[in-house]
Amino acid sequence: MKTTNASLLAIGILAAAAAGCTQKNDTTISFERLSVEQAYRLKDSAADYDVSSDLSFGCKADVLLPENIFGKSATALRDSILTLAFGHDEEDDTISINLKDSPRDIAISSLREFEGQLGFALADTVIPADSLSSGFVSRFDGFAQVDGYIQTLTPDILSYGVTSSCYMPRAAHGMYSIFYLNYYIDRDEIVTLDKLFTPEGLAELPAIIRRTAQVMQPMIGTTDVTALPSRNNFYISSDYQLVFCYQPYEVASYAQGEIRIPVEAYLVGEYLTPTGEQILLAR
């Protein structure tokens, strides 16, 4: 399914960004929506769980893949999104993907590999694939789900989020993680912290984030920030703040969820590289 200029998942963000993109010669934005639903029986799981029939496990992917951003090919961003969504295992980095494969094949292969980690062989599909019905994952004893979406879009930067969530059968609660990519549109490249900050700045960032978290304690609760987020996780907001994002359990209790700590660019201006200054301060 393809959507041009206004994706169902991102229409509000794109409309707001378009208003600020008048300096662009071409404001074309196009996306492909990757939607996959697969469900399986966990073979011989009934005995292990002392139930009358084998357990079911559902897998769902709903990912917005950019094709064209302001008239430019977004290949670097597209490949990075697929890698983040389907090519990385947080525990041991064992999952790999072939970017020459179709996005659908990549998604199905990755989700099947995740299911294989449950310790059961996958048996017959229990419902038709791609039914795209509401409440899909709630039908099953366990599930894995990947969602990819635009977090913010400005004339210069597209920040993209990937949420991965799962529920193991009979577990007390599910788990999820949210990681972000920041795409510099004019240069067709992914922006990382080491491109924005000097080595001295990277060393100072944890203390800066910790002080901000302490000020935010009435809103976000008690946190224990001692380092940068895992995988240096952050996104650039629509007003060019740096928002540092910690996963559940990383610096706070599970109940507090994802912890987001915004830092104004001017507070870290002395630590920015020329690229960082161009993106965050030159406007």
C-alpha atoms as a PDB file:
ATOM      1  CA  MET A   1       0.000   0.000   0.000  1.00  0.00           C
ATOM      2  CA  LYS A   2       1.403   3.398  -0.951  1.00  0.00           C
ATOM      3  CA  THR A   3       0.466   6.787   0.436  1.00  0.00           C
ATOM      4  CA  THR A   4       1.591  10.114  -1.022  1.00  0.00           C
ATOM      5  CA  ASN A   5       1.796  13.408   0.885  1.00  0.00           C
ATOM      6  CA  ALA A   6      -0.399  12.275   3.754  1.00  0.00           C
ATOM      7  CA  SER A   7      -0.037   8.898   5.418  1.00  0.00           C
ATOM      8  CA  LEU A   8      -2.871   7.709   7.607  1.00  0.00           C
ATOM      9  CA  LEU A   9      -0.301   7.228  10.373  1.00  0.00           C
ATOM     10  CA  ALA A  10       1.431  10.584   9.984  1.00  0.00           C
ATOM     11  CA  ILE A  11      -1.056  13.033   8.523  1.00  0.00           C
ATOM     12  CA  GLY A  12      -0.923  15.436  11.466  1.00  0.00           C
ATOM     13  CA  ILE A  13       2.870  15.556  11.527  1.00  0.00           C
ATOM     14  CA  LEU A  14       3.198  15.978   7.794  1.00  0.00           C
ATOM     15  CA  ALA A  15       0.619  18.765   7.659  1.00  0.00           C
ATOM     16  CA  ALA A  16       2.463  20.694  10.347  1.00  0.00           C
ATOM     17  CA  ALA A  17       5.803  20.198   8.618  1.00  0.00           C
ATOM     18  CA  ALA A  18       4.493  21.205   5.223  1.00  0.00           C
ATOM     19  CA  ALA A  19       3.595  24.611   6.595  1.00  0.00           C
ATOM     20  CA  GLY A  20       7.256  25.187   7.418  1.00  0.00           C
ATOM     21  CA  CYS A  21       8.680  23.864   4.145  1.00  0.00           C
ATOM     22  CA  THR A  22       7.910  26.736   1.813  1.00  0.00           C
ATOM     23  CA  GLN A  23      11.622  27.214   1.102  1.00  0.00           C
ATOM     24  CA  LYS A  24      11.799  23.754  -0.480  1.00  0.00           C
ATOM     25  CA  ASN A  25      11.431  23.631  -4.262  1.00  0.00           C
ATOM     26  CA  ASP A  26       9.748  20.245  -4.087  1.00  0.00           C
ATOM     27  CA  THR A  27       7.509  19.424  -1.125  1.00  0.00           C
ATOM     28  CA  THR A  28       6.643  15.929  -2.349  1.00  0.00           C
ATOM     29  CA  ILE A  29       6.598  13.323   0.415  1.00  0.00           C
ATOM     30  CA  SER A  30       5.723   9.724  -0.349  1.00  0.00           C
ATOM     31  CA  PHE A  31       5.629   6.554   1.733  1.00  0.00           C
ATOM     32  CA  GLU A  32       4.972   2.880   1.465  1.00  0.00           C
ATOM     33  CA  ARG A  33       3.035   1.300   4.317  1.00  0.00           C
ATOM     34  CA  LEU A  34       4.338  -2.144   5.211  1.00  0.00           C
ATOM     35  CA  SER A  35       1.579  -4.120   6.944  1.00  0.00           C
ATOM     36  CA  VAL A  36       2.066  -7.752   7.880  1.00  0.00           C
ATOM     37  CA  GLU A  37       0.058 -10.060  10.133  1.00  0.00           C
ATOM     38  CA  GLN A  38       1.065 -13.668  10.755  1.00  0.00           C
ATOM     39  CA  ALA A  39      -0.054 -16.130  13.402  1.00  0.00           C
ATOM     40  CA  TYR A  40       1.179 -19.570  14.352  1.00  0.00           C
ATOM     41  CA  ARG A  41       0.595 -22.478  16.679  1.00  0.00           C
ATOM     42  CA  LEU A  42       3.461 -23.241  19.063  1.00  0.00           C
ATOM     43  CA  LYS A  43       3.822 -26.947  18.407  1.00  0.00           C
ATOM     44  CA  ASP A  44       3.613 -29.214  21.484  1.00  0.00           C
ATOM     45  CA  SER A  45       3.293 -26.252  23.867  1.00  0.00           C
ATOM     46  CA  ALA A  46       0.063 -27.581  25.438  1.00  0.00           C
ATOM     47  CA  ALA A  47       1.892 -30.044  27.671  1.00  0.00           C
ATOM     48  CA  ASP A  48       4.390 -27.457  28.914  1.00  0.00           C
ATOM     49  CA  TYR A  49       1.607 -25.038  29.854  1.00  0.00           C
ATOM     50  CA  ASP A  50      -0.793 -27.741  31.086  1.00  0.00           C
ATOM     51  CA  VAL A  51      -3.597 -26.665  28.762  1.00  0.00           C
ATOM     52  CA  SER A  52      -5.819 -28.618  26.394  1.00  0.00           C
ATOM     53  CA  SER A  53      -4.470 -27.214  23.127  1.00  0.00           C
ATOM     54  CA  ASP A  54      -1.269 -25.671  21.850  1.00  0.00           C
ATOM     55  CA  LEU A  55      -0.747 -21.964  22.405  1.00  0.00           C
ATOM     56  CA  SER A  56      -0.962 -19.428  19.612  1.00  0.00           C
ATOM     57  CA  PHE A  57       1.403 -16.591  18.849  1.00  0.00           C
ATOM     58  CA  GLY A  58       0.637 -13.562  16.696  1.00  0.00           C
ATOM     59  CA  CYS A  59       3.100 -11.328  14.879  1.00  0.00           C
ATOM     60  CA  LYS A  60       2.303  -7.935  13.446  1.00  0.00           C
ATOM     61  CA  ALA A  61       4.335  -5.269  11.651  1.00  0.00           C
ATOM     62  CA  ASP A  62       2.983  -1.867  10.682  1.00  0.00           C
ATOM     63  CA  VAL A  63       5.834   0.264   9.402  1.00  0.00           C
ATOM     64  CA  LEU A  64       5.840   3.465   7.381  1.00  0.00           C
ATOM     65  CA  LEU A  65       8.685   3.350   4.836  1.00  0.00           C
ATOM     66  CA  PRO A  66       9.719   6.622   3.175  1.00  0.00           C
ATOM     67  CA  GLU A  67      10.320   6.642  -0.552  1.00  0.00           C
ATOM     68  CA  ASN A  68      10.709  10.339  -1.313  1.00  0.00           C
ATOM     69  CA  ILE A  69      11.279  13.249   1.078  1.00  0.00           C
ATOM     70  CA  PHE A  70      10.969  16.745  -0.398  1.00  0.00           C
ATOM     71  CA  GLY A  71      11.737  15.411  -3.849  1.00  0.00           C
ATOM     72  CA  LYS A  72      14.806  13.427  -2.787  1.00  0.00           C
ATOM     73  CA  SER A  73      15.242   9.686  -2.552  1.00  0.00           C
ATOM     74  CA  ALA A  74      15.241   8.485   1.064  1.00  0.00           C
ATOM     75  CA  THR A  75      17.150   5.249   0.515  1.00  0.00           C
ATOM     76  CA  ALA A  76      19.524   5.739   3.454  1.00  0.00           C
ATOM     77  CA  LEU A  77      16.625   6.354   5.825  1.00  0.00           C
ATOM     78  CA  ARG A  78      14.563   3.491   4.431  1.00  0.00           C
ATOM     79  CA  ASP A  79      17.412   0.994   4.838  1.00  0.00           C
ATOM     80  CA  SER A  80      18.147   2.250   8.353  1.00  0.00           C
ATOM     81  CA  ILE A  81      14.488   1.870   9.351  1.00  0.00           C
ATOM     82  CA  LEU A  82      14.363  -1.716   8.095  1.00  0.00           C
ATOM     83  CA  THR A  83      17.579  -2.527   9.935  1.00  0.00           C
ATOM     84  CA  LEU A  84      16.355  -0.971  13.187  1.00  0.00           C
ATOM     85  CA  ALA A  85      12.919  -2.591  12.968  1.00  0.00           C
ATOM     86  CA  PHE A  86      13.887  -6.069  11.815  1.00  0.00           C
ATOM     87  CA  GLY A  87      17.645  -6.516  11.855  1.00  0.00           C
ATOM     88  CA  HIS A  88      18.665  -6.048  15.457  1.00  0.00           C
ATOM     89  CA  ASP A  89      18.299  -8.256  18.501  1.00  0.00           C
ATOM     90  CA  GLU A  90      18.928  -6.342  21.727  1.00  0.00           C
ATOM     91  CA  GLU A  91      20.325  -9.350  23.550  1.00  0.00           C
ATOM     92  CA  ASP A  92      23.012 -10.653  21.229  1.00  0.00           C
ATOM     93  CA  ASP A  93      22.738  -8.928  17.841  1.00  0.00           C
ATOM     94  CA  THR A  94      22.087 -12.261  16.133  1.00  0.00           C
ATOM     95  CA  ILE A  95      19.360 -11.243  13.692  1.00  0.00           C
ATOM     96  CA  SER A  96      20.589 -10.154  10.275  1.00  0.00           C
ATOM     97  CA  ILE A  97      18.659  -9.020   7.227  1.00  0.00           C
ATOM     98  CA  ASN A  98      19.314  -8.754   3.510  1.00  0.00           C
ATOM     99  CA  LEU A  99      18.278  -5.303   2.337  1.00  0.00           C
ATOM    100  CA  LYS A 100      17.983  -6.659  -1.205  1.00  0.00           C
ATOM    101  CA  ASP A 101      14.941  -8.667  -0.086  1.00  0.00           C
ATOM    102  CA  SER A 102      11.482  -7.121  -0.205  1.00  0.00           C
ATOM    103  CA  PRO A 103      10.403  -5.301   2.992  1.00  0.00           C
ATOM    104  CA  ARG A 104       7.595  -7.819   3.437  1.00  0.00           C
ATOM    105  CA  ASP A 105       9.970 -10.771   3.237  1.00  0.00           C
ATOM    106  CA  ILE A 106      12.348  -9.047   5.669  1.00  0.00           C
ATOM    107  CA  ALA A 107       9.529  -8.492   8.174  1.00  0.00           C
ATOM    108  CA  ILE A 108       8.150 -12.029   7.988  1.00  0.00           C
ATOM    109  CA  SER A 109      11.603 -13.611   8.258  1.00  0.00           C
ATOM    110  CA  SER A 110      12.542 -11.489  11.270  1.00  0.00           C
ATOM    111  CA  LEU A 111       9.261 -12.142  13.087  1.00  0.00           C
ATOM    112  CA  ARG A 112       9.552 -15.879  12.502  1.00  0.00           C
ATOM    113  CA  GLU A 113      13.095 -15.819  13.849  1.00  0.00           C
ATOM    114  CA  PHE A 114      11.856 -14.070  16.988  1.00  0.00           C
ATOM    115  CA  GLU A 115       9.181 -16.711  17.477  1.00  0.00           C
ATOM    116  CA  GLY A 116      11.820 -19.386  17.158  1.00  0.00           C
ATOM    117  CA  GLN A 117      13.410 -18.051  20.342  1.00  0.00           C
ATOM    118  CA  LEU A 118      10.348 -19.197  22.303  1.00  0.00           C
ATOM    119  CA  GLY A 119      11.627 -22.764  22.219  1.00  0.00           C
ATOM    120  CA  PHE A 120       8.786 -24.272  20.167  1.00  0.00           C
ATOM    121  CA  ALA A 121       8.561 -25.225  16.521  1.00  0.00           C
ATOM    122  CA  LEU A 122       6.066 -23.160  14.555  1.00  0.00           C
ATOM    123  CA  ALA A 123       3.180 -25.173  13.224  1.00  0.00           C
ATOM    124  CA  ASP A 124       0.284 -24.278  10.951  1.00  0.00           C
ATOM    125  CA  THR A 125      -0.905 -20.721  10.494  1.00  0.00           C
ATOM    126  CA  VAL A 126      -4.011 -20.309  12.617  1.00  0.00           C
ATOM    127  CA  ILE A 127      -5.596 -17.383  10.761  1.00  0.00           C
ATOM    128  CA  PRO A 128      -5.198 -15.978   7.252  1.00  0.00           C
ATOM    129  CA  ALA A 129      -2.210 -13.682   6.838  1.00  0.00           C
ATOM    130  CA  ASP A 130      -2.802  -9.963   6.293  1.00  0.00           C
ATOM    131  CA  SER A 131      -6.372  -9.873   7.528  1.00  0.00           C
ATOM    132  CA  LEU A 132      -5.597  -6.374   8.856  1.00  0.00           C
ATOM    133  CA  SER A 133      -8.382  -6.677  11.390  1.00  0.00           C
ATOM    134  CA  SER A 134      -8.610  -4.624  14.549  1.00  0.00           C
ATOM    135  CA  GLY A 135      -7.323  -6.087  17.782  1.00  0.00           C
ATOM    136  CA  PHE A 136      -5.168  -8.611  15.946  1.00  0.00           C
ATOM    137  CA  VAL A 137      -2.556  -9.354  18.611  1.00  0.00           C
ATOM    138  CA  SER A 138      -5.130  -9.561  21.422  1.00  0.00           C
ATOM    139  CA  ARG A 139      -6.439 -12.821  19.936  1.00  0.00           C
ATOM    140  CA  PHE A 140      -3.364 -14.835  20.854  1.00  0.00           C
ATOM    141  CA  ASP A 141      -1.617 -16.265  23.899  1.00  0.00           C
ATOM    142  CA  GLY A 142       1.502 -14.283  23.025  1.00  0.00           C
ATOM    143  CA  PHE A 143       2.557 -11.745  20.424  1.00  0.00           C
ATOM    144  CA  ALA A 144       5.363  -9.719  18.906  1.00  0.00           C
ATOM    145  CA  GLN A 145       4.677  -6.392  17.253  1.00  0.00           C
ATOM    146  CA  VAL A 146       6.770  -3.788  15.422  1.00  0.00           C
ATOM    147  CA  ASP A 147       5.493  -0.295  14.610  1.00  0.00           C
ATOM    148  CA  GLY A 148       7.434   2.326  12.657  1.00  0.00           C
ATOM    149  CA  TYR A 149       6.295   5.927  12.471  1.00  0.00           C
ATOM    150  CA  ILE A 150       7.387   9.536  12.011  1.00  0.00           C
ATOM    151  CA  GLN A 151       8.110  11.183  15.344  1.00  0.00           C
ATOM    152  CA  THR A 152       8.816  14.689  14.012  1.00  0.00           C
ATOM    153  CA  LEU A 153       9.368  16.276  10.615  1.00  0.00           C
ATOM    154  CA  THR A 154      10.953  19.673   9.958  1.00  0.00           C
ATOM    155  CA  PRO A 155      12.378  21.204   6.765  1.00  0.00           C
ATOM    156  CA  ASP A 156      15.782  19.773   7.768  1.00  0.00           C
ATOM    157  CA  ILE A 157      15.269  16.714   9.977  1.00  0.00           C
ATOM    158  CA  LEU A 158      12.976  13.707   9.981  1.00  0.00           C
ATOM    159  CA  SER A 159      13.004  11.844  13.293  1.00  0.00           C
ATOM    160  CA  TYR A 160      11.620   8.336  13.106  1.00  0.00           C
ATOM    161  CA  GLY A 161      10.569   5.964  15.879  1.00  0.00           C
ATOM    162  CA  VAL A 162      10.391   2.175  15.973  1.00  0.00           C
ATOM    163  CA  THR A 163       8.439   0.539  18.797  1.00  0.00           C
ATOM    164  CA  SER A 164       8.992  -3.182  19.354  1.00  0.00           C
ATOM    165  CA  SER A 165       6.697  -4.902  21.834  1.00  0.00           C
ATOM    166  CA  CYS A 166       6.093  -8.472  22.868  1.00  0.00           C
ATOM    167  CA  TYR A 167       4.171 -10.571  25.335  1.00  0.00           C
ATOM    168  CA  MET A 168       5.339 -14.051  26.222  1.00  0.00           C
ATOM    169  CA  PRO A 169       2.538 -16.513  26.991  1.00  0.00           C
ATOM    170  CA  ARG A 170       1.454 -16.406  30.649  1.00  0.00           C
ATOM    171  CA  ALA A 171       3.985 -13.678  31.532  1.00  0.00           C
ATOM    172  CA  ALA A 172       3.123 -11.118  34.222  1.00  0.00           C
ATOM    173  CA  HIS A 173       3.346  -8.306  31.678  1.00  0.00           C
ATOM    174  CA  GLY A 174       4.727  -7.531  28.247  1.00  0.00           C
ATOM    175  CA  MET A 175       7.836  -5.595  27.318  1.00  0.00           C
ATOM    176  CA  TYR A 176       8.554  -2.925  24.767  1.00  0.00           C
ATOM    177  CA  SER A 177      11.359  -0.733  23.507  1.00  0.00           C
ATOM    178  CA  ILE A 178      11.392   2.468  21.471  1.00  0.00           C
ATOM    179  CA  PHE A 179      14.382   3.558  19.427  1.00  0.00           C
ATOM    180  CA  TYR A 180      14.800   6.506  17.098  1.00  0.00           C
ATOM    181  CA  LEU A 181      16.603   7.533  13.923  1.00  0.00           C
ATOM    182  CA  ASN A 182      17.346  11.113  12.942  1.00  0.00           C
ATOM    183  CA  TYR A 183      17.656  11.787   9.243  1.00  0.00           C
ATOM    184  CA  TYR A 184      19.344  14.895   7.825  1.00  0.00           C
ATOM    185  CA  ILE A 185      17.254  15.406   4.702  1.00  0.00           C
ATOM    186  CA  ASP A 186      19.581  17.618   2.631  1.00  0.00           C
ATOM    187  CA  ARG A 187      22.574  15.331   3.170  1.00  0.00           C
ATOM    188  CA  ASP A 188      20.640  12.055   2.936  1.00  0.00           C
ATOM    189  CA  GLU A 189      22.335  10.715   6.064  1.00  0.00           C
ATOM    190  CA  ILE A 190      21.527   9.473   9.544  1.00  0.00           C
ATOM    191  CA  VAL A 191      22.594  11.889  12.274  1.00  0.00           C
ATOM    192  CA  THR A 192      24.090  10.302  15.401  1.00  0.00           C
ATOM    193  CA  LEU A 193      25.280  11.892  18.614  1.00  0.00           C
ATOM    194  CA  ASP A 194      28.926  11.657  17.600  1.00  0.00           C
ATOM    195  CA  LYS A 195      28.104  13.742  14.511  1.00  0.00           C
ATOM    196  CA  LEU A 196      26.422  16.396  16.632  1.00  0.00           C
ATOM    197  CA  PHE A 197      28.820  16.523  19.613  1.00  0.00           C
ATOM    198  CA  THR A 198      32.536  16.750  20.199  1.00  0.00           C
ATOM    199  CA  PRO A 199      34.136  13.992  22.309  1.00  0.00           C
ATOM    200  CA  GLU A 200      34.160  16.424  25.250  1.00  0.00           C
ATOM    201  CA  GLY A 201      30.491  17.082  24.713  1.00  0.00           C
ATOM    202  CA  LEU A 202      29.620  13.390  24.673  1.00  0.00           C
ATOM    203  CA  ALA A 203      31.427  13.021  28.003  1.00  0.00           C
ATOM    204  CA  GLU A 204      29.446  15.907  29.527  1.00  0.00           C
ATOM    205  CA  LEU A 205      26.020  14.875  28.271  1.00  0.00           C
ATOM    206  CA  PRO A 206      25.132  12.353  31.034  1.00  0.00           C
ATOM    207  CA  ALA A 207      25.559  15.014  33.727  1.00  0.00           C
ATOM    208  CA  ILE A 208      23.500  17.510  31.727  1.00  0.00           C
ATOM    209  CA  ILE A 209      20.725  14.960  31.204  1.00  0.00           C
ATOM    210  CA  ARG A 210      20.816  13.970  34.892  1.00  0.00           C
ATOM    211  CA  ARG A 211      20.362  17.587  36.034  1.00  0.00           C
ATOM    212  CA  THR A 212      17.411  18.019  33.690  1.00  0.00           C
ATOM    213  CA  ALA A 213      15.858  14.756  34.919  1.00  0.00           C
ATOM    214  CA  GLN A 214      16.140  15.975  38.501  1.00  0.00           C
ATOM    215  CA  VAL A 215      14.272  19.164  37.600  1.00  0.00           C
ATOM    216  CA  MET A 216      11.604  17.045  35.879  1.00  0.00           C
ATOM    217  CA  GLN A 217      11.163  14.669  38.823  1.00  0.00           C
ATOM    218  CA  PRO A 218       7.662  15.943  39.734  1.00  0.00           C
ATOM    219  CA  MET A 219       6.531  14.956  36.222  1.00  0.00           C
ATOM    220  CA  ILE A 220       8.508  11.805  35.455  1.00  0.00           C
ATOM    221  CA  GLY A 221       9.305  10.451  38.915  1.00  0.00           C
ATOM    222  CA  THR A 222      12.617   9.389  40.395  1.00  0.00           C
ATOM    223  CA  THR A 223      15.286   8.408  37.892  1.00  0.00           C
ATOM    224  CA  ASP A 224      18.865   7.180  38.052  1.00  0.00           C
ATOM    225  CA  VAL A 225      20.620   8.690  35.044  1.00  0.00           C
ATOM    226  CA  THR A 226      24.332   7.887  35.057  1.00  0.00           C
ATOM    227  CA  ALA A 227      25.007   7.408  31.348  1.00  0.00           C
ATOM    228  CA  LEU A 228      23.677   8.119  27.899  1.00  0.00           C
ATOM    229  CA  PRO A 229      20.654   6.036  26.867  1.00  0.00           C
ATOM    230  CA  SER A 230      21.334   2.603  25.437  1.00  0.00           C
ATOM    231  CA  ARG A 231      22.417   2.844  21.812  1.00  0.00           C
ATOM    232  CA  ASN A 232      22.683   6.623  22.380  1.00  0.00           C
ATOM    233  CA  ASN A 233      18.939   6.804  21.833  1.00  0.00           C
ATOM    234  CA  PHE A 234      17.517  10.256  21.077  1.00  0.00           C
ATOM    235  CA  TYR A 235      15.404  12.223  18.642  1.00  0.00           C
ATOM    236  CA  ILE A 236      15.295  15.839  17.520  1.00  0.00           C
ATOM    237  CA  SER A 237      11.960  17.485  18.257  1.00  0.00           C
ATOM    238  CA  SER A 238      10.048  19.856  15.998  1.00  0.00           C
ATOM    239  CA  ASP A 239      11.505  22.821  17.912  1.00  0.00           C
ATOM    240  CA  TYR A 240      15.034  21.356  17.670  1.00  0.00           C
ATOM    241  CA  GLN A 241      15.345  20.103  21.205  1.00  0.00           C
ATOM    242  CA  LEU A 242      17.401  16.979  21.813  1.00  0.00           C
ATOM    243  CA  VAL A 243      15.144  14.432  23.479  1.00  0.00           C
ATOM    244  CA  PHE A 244      17.099  11.613  25.166  1.00  0.00           C
ATOM    245  CA  CYS A 245      15.046   8.450  25.556  1.00  0.00           C
ATOM    246  CA  TYR A 246      15.559   5.668  28.103  1.00  0.00           C
ATOM    247  CA  GLN A 247      13.793   2.307  27.898  1.00  0.00           C
ATOM    248  CA  PRO A 248      11.563   0.875  30.646  1.00  0.00           C
ATOM    249  CA  TYR A 249      13.760  -0.334  33.527  1.00  0.00           C
ATOM    250  CA  GLU A 250      16.800   1.502  32.155  1.00  0.00           C
ATOM    251  CA  VAL A 251      16.772   4.427  34.605  1.00  0.00           C
ATOM    252  CA  ALA A 252      13.417   4.010  36.372  1.00  0.00           C
ATOM    253  CA  SER A 253      10.722   1.487  37.261  1.00  0.00           C
ATOM    254  CA  TYR A 254       8.729  -0.328  34.587  1.00  0.00           C
ATOM    255  CA  ALA A 255       5.602   1.565  35.650  1.00  0.00           C
ATOM    256  CA  GLN A 256       7.273   4.863  34.650  1.00  0.00           C
ATOM    257  CA  GLY A 257       7.633   3.612  31.095  1.00  0.00           C
ATOM    258  CA  GLU A 258       9.921   5.223  28.566  1.00  0.00           C
ATOM    259  CA  ILE A 259      11.732   8.191  30.119  1.00  0.00           C
ATOM    260  CA  ARG A 260      12.197  11.170  27.798  1.00  0.00           C
ATOM    261  CA  ILE A 261      14.542  13.969  28.839  1.00  0.00           C
ATOM    262  CA  PRO A 262      14.469  17.045  26.563  1.00  0.00           C
ATOM    263  CA  VAL A 263      17.541  19.294  26.454  1.00  0.00           C
ATOM    264  CA  GLU A 264      17.505  22.709  24.786  1.00  0.00           C
ATOM    265  CA  ALA A 265      20.174  23.043  22.105  1.00  0.00           C
ATOM    266  CA  TYR A 266      21.502  26.330  23.490  1.00  0.00           C
ATOM    267  CA  LEU A 267      22.399  24.596  26.752  1.00  0.00           C
ATOM    268  CA  VAL A 268      24.882  22.369  24.929  1.00  0.00           C
ATOM    269  CA  GLY A 269      25.986  24.830  22.258  1.00  0.00           C
ATOM    270  CA  GLU A 270      29.619  24.898  23.376  1.00  0.00           C
ATOM    271  CA  TYR A 271      29.882  21.132  22.808  1.00  0.00           C
ATOM    272  CA  LEU A 272      28.412  20.982  19.305  1.00  0.00           C
ATOM    273  CA  THR A 273      30.333  20.122  16.156  1.00  0.00           C
ATOM    274  CA  PRO A 274      29.861  22.311  13.052  1.00  0.00           C
ATOM    275  CA  THR A 275      27.221  19.824  11.904  1.00  0.00           C
ATOM    276  CA  GLY A 276      25.485  20.064  15.278  1.00  0.00           C
ATOM    277  CA  GLU A 277      25.482  23.864  15.112  1.00  0.00           C
ATOM    278  CA  GLN A 278      24.094  23.795  11.578  1.00  0.00           C
ATOM    279  CA  ILE A 279      21.228  21.486  12.513  1.00  0.00           C
ATOM    280  CA  LEU A 280      20.338  22.734  15.980  1.00  0.00           C
ATOM    281  CA  LEU A 281      21.266  26.415  16.137  1.00  0.00           C
ATOM    282  CA  ALA A 282      21.395  27.906  12.612  1.00  0.00           C
ATOM    283  CA  ARG A 283      17.860  29.104  12.124  1.00  0.00           C
END
